[in-house]
Amino acid sequence: MIEKRLGYTFSDKNLLTRALTRKAYANEQKYLNNNLDDQEVFRTLGDAVLKTILVDLLIEKGCKTREDITTRKMKLESEEKLASIARELQIGCDIILGQGERKQGVQDVATVLAETLEALIGAMYLDGGYPCAKEVITRWFKPYIS
């Protein structure tokens, strides 16, 4: 179950579903008269939350200058790093893809994984607030923040 792999249990499962739903799938559902929200808004929120938490963690770890924080944060929030963490959490199999995306096998493409991880962060923030999101993100990034 994805929640176990994430290390977070959602009170509102709809937030989890939305975070996992790609725009292509949501658009396909509109043709079937099903209105379904996709992950795009959550990705934007998750990106902002992640940046805030990473800065917070880097300050806690002793970064003292803006330059040091910015340099280290950029490495931590890179698409490659986010995709790597997403692969460790095995979220690719849980992403809700459109038919074309499924045929192309995009569930393991770095961009798709990174975007979905950001959407999940946004969903966790909405579900449990900053402290919960920070706790989970701290666990995910602990091996990479020295």
Protein backbone atom coordinates (compact mmCIF):
# COMPACT_ATOMS: atom_id res chain seq x y z
CA MET A 1 0.00 0.00 0.00
CA ILE A 2 1.34 3.38 -0.99
CA GLU A 3 0.63 5.03 2.36
CA LYS A 4 2.87 2.53 4.12
CA ARG A 5 5.68 3.17 1.63
CA LEU A 6 5.25 6.94 1.99
CA GLY A 7 5.23 6.71 5.77
CA TYR A 8 2.02 8.74 5.94
CA THR A 9 -1.64 7.76 6.29
CA PHE A 10 -4.12 10.18 4.76
CA SER A 11 -7.22 11.16 6.70
CA ASP A 12 -8.76 12.31 3.41
CA LYS A 13 -8.07 9.59 0.82
CA ASN A 14 -9.41 11.90 -1.92
CA LEU A 15 -6.30 14.04 -1.48
CA LEU A 16 -4.12 10.99 -2.09
CA THR A 17 -6.10 10.02 -5.19
CA ARG A 18 -5.87 13.52 -6.62
CA ALA A 19 -2.12 13.68 -5.98
CA LEU A 20 -1.67 10.45 -7.95
CA THR A 21 -3.96 11.44 -10.86
CA ARG A 22 -2.25 12.72 -13.99
CA LYS A 23 -3.95 15.36 -16.13
CA ALA A 24 -4.21 12.99 -19.10
CA TYR A 25 -6.29 10.54 -17.06
CA ALA A 26 -8.50 13.31 -15.65
CA ASN A 27 -9.11 14.62 -19.18
CA GLU A 28 -10.07 11.15 -20.40
CA GLN A 29 -12.58 10.89 -17.57
CA LYS A 30 -14.26 14.15 -18.62
CA TYR A 31 -15.26 12.45 -21.88
CA LEU A 32 -17.02 9.83 -19.78
CA ASN A 33 -18.87 12.56 -17.83
CA ASN A 34 -16.74 12.00 -14.77
CA ASN A 35 -15.28 15.17 -13.34
CA LEU A 36 -11.96 14.32 -11.78
CA ASP A 37 -9.34 16.71 -10.44
CA ASP A 38 -5.73 16.12 -11.40
CA GLN A 39 -2.45 16.63 -9.56
CA GLU A 40 -1.32 19.91 -11.16
CA VAL A 41 -2.39 22.28 -8.38
CA PHE A 42 -0.97 19.93 -5.75
CA ARG A 43 2.37 19.85 -7.61
CA THR A 44 2.62 23.62 -7.32
CA LEU A 45 1.76 23.55 -3.62
CA GLY A 46 4.08 20.61 -2.97
CA ASP A 47 6.98 22.38 -4.67
CA ALA A 48 6.53 25.39 -2.37
CA VAL A 49 6.15 23.24 0.75
CA LEU A 50 9.22 21.17 -0.18
CA LYS A 51 11.34 24.30 -0.68
CA THR A 52 10.27 25.65 2.71
CA ILE A 53 10.94 22.40 4.53
CA LEU A 54 14.33 21.92 2.87
CA VAL A 55 15.41 25.43 3.88
CA ASP A 56 14.18 24.72 7.40
CA LEU A 57 16.15 21.44 7.54
CA LEU A 58 19.31 22.99 6.12
CA ILE A 59 19.23 25.77 8.70
CA GLU A 60 18.73 23.14 11.42
CA LYS A 61 21.78 21.28 10.03
CA GLY A 62 23.93 24.38 10.39
CA CYS A 63 23.84 26.14 7.04
CA LYS A 64 24.59 29.75 7.85
CA THR A 65 24.62 31.60 4.54
CA ARG A 66 22.03 32.17 1.86
CA GLU A 67 24.46 30.90 -0.76
CA ASP A 68 25.08 27.63 1.10
CA ILE A 69 21.35 27.06 1.63
CA THR A 70 20.52 27.86 -1.99
CA THR A 71 23.25 25.64 -3.42
CA ARG A 72 22.38 22.66 -1.24
CA LYS A 73 18.63 23.10 -1.69
CA MET A 74 18.97 23.14 -5.47
CA LYS A 75 20.70 19.75 -5.39
CA LEU A 76 18.12 18.29 -3.01
CA GLU A 77 15.11 19.47 -5.00
CA SER A 78 16.46 18.53 -8.43
CA GLU A 79 14.27 16.43 -10.70
CA GLU A 80 16.81 13.61 -10.51
CA LYS A 81 16.83 13.57 -6.70
CA LEU A 82 13.03 13.72 -6.47
CA ALA A 83 12.70 10.94 -9.03
CA SER A 84 15.24 8.88 -7.11
CA ILE A 85 13.26 9.25 -3.89
CA ALA A 86 10.04 8.45 -5.76
CA ARG A 87 11.65 5.26 -7.08
CA GLU A 88 12.78 4.31 -3.57
CA LEU A 89 9.16 4.77 -2.45
CA GLN A 90 7.96 2.78 -5.48
CA ILE A 91 5.25 5.30 -6.37
CA GLY A 92 5.41 4.64 -10.12
CA CYS A 93 3.01 1.72 -9.91
CA ASP A 94 0.43 3.88 -8.09
CA ILE A 95 0.35 6.83 -10.51
CA ILE A 96 -3.00 7.08 -12.28
CA LEU A 97 -2.03 7.52 -15.92
CA GLY A 98 -3.93 8.29 -19.10
CA GLN A 99 -4.12 5.55 -21.73
CA GLY A 100 -1.41 7.13 -23.88
CA GLU A 101 0.88 7.61 -20.91
CA ARG A 102 0.34 4.00 -19.88
CA LYS A 103 1.23 2.77 -23.39
CA GLN A 104 4.38 4.90 -23.34
CA GLY A 105 5.36 3.55 -19.91
CA VAL A 106 5.89 6.97 -18.37
CA GLN A 107 5.43 5.75 -14.80
CA ASP A 108 9.22 5.54 -14.49
CA VAL A 109 10.09 8.78 -16.31
CA ALA A 110 11.95 11.17 -13.98
CA THR A 111 9.67 14.13 -14.71
CA VAL A 112 6.50 12.15 -13.98
CA LEU A 113 7.95 10.70 -10.77
CA ALA A 114 9.23 14.08 -9.54
CA GLU A 115 5.94 15.82 -10.32
CA THR A 116 3.95 13.13 -8.55
CA LEU A 117 6.21 13.27 -5.50
CA GLU A 118 5.63 17.04 -5.33
CA ALA A 119 1.87 16.46 -5.65
CA LEU A 120 2.00 13.96 -2.80
CA ILE A 121 3.83 16.51 -0.65
CA GLY A 122 1.12 19.06 -1.40
CA ALA A 123 -1.56 16.54 -0.51
CA MET A 124 0.17 15.62 2.77
CA TYR A 125 0.45 19.30 3.65
CA LEU A 126 -3.28 19.83 3.03
CA ASP A 127 -4.16 16.68 4.95
CA GLY A 128 -1.90 16.96 7.98
CA GLY A 129 -0.35 20.42 7.94
CA TYR A 130 3.25 21.58 8.02
CA PRO A 131 4.43 19.44 10.98
CA CYS A 132 3.27 16.20 9.35
CA ALA A 133 4.72 17.11 5.96
CA LYS A 134 8.03 18.09 7.58
CA GLU A 135 8.23 14.82 9.51
CA VAL A 136 7.75 12.73 6.36
CA ILE A 137 10.05 14.82 4.17
CA THR A 138 12.73 14.75 6.87
CA ARG A 139 12.67 10.94 6.76
CA TRP A 140 12.85 10.90 2.95
CA PHE A 141 15.74 13.37 2.74
CA LYS A 142 17.71 12.36 5.86
CA PRO A 143 20.25 10.30 3.89
CA TYR A 144 20.95 13.28 1.62
CA ILE A 145 21.23 16.07 4.20
CA SER A 146 24.50 15.88 6.08
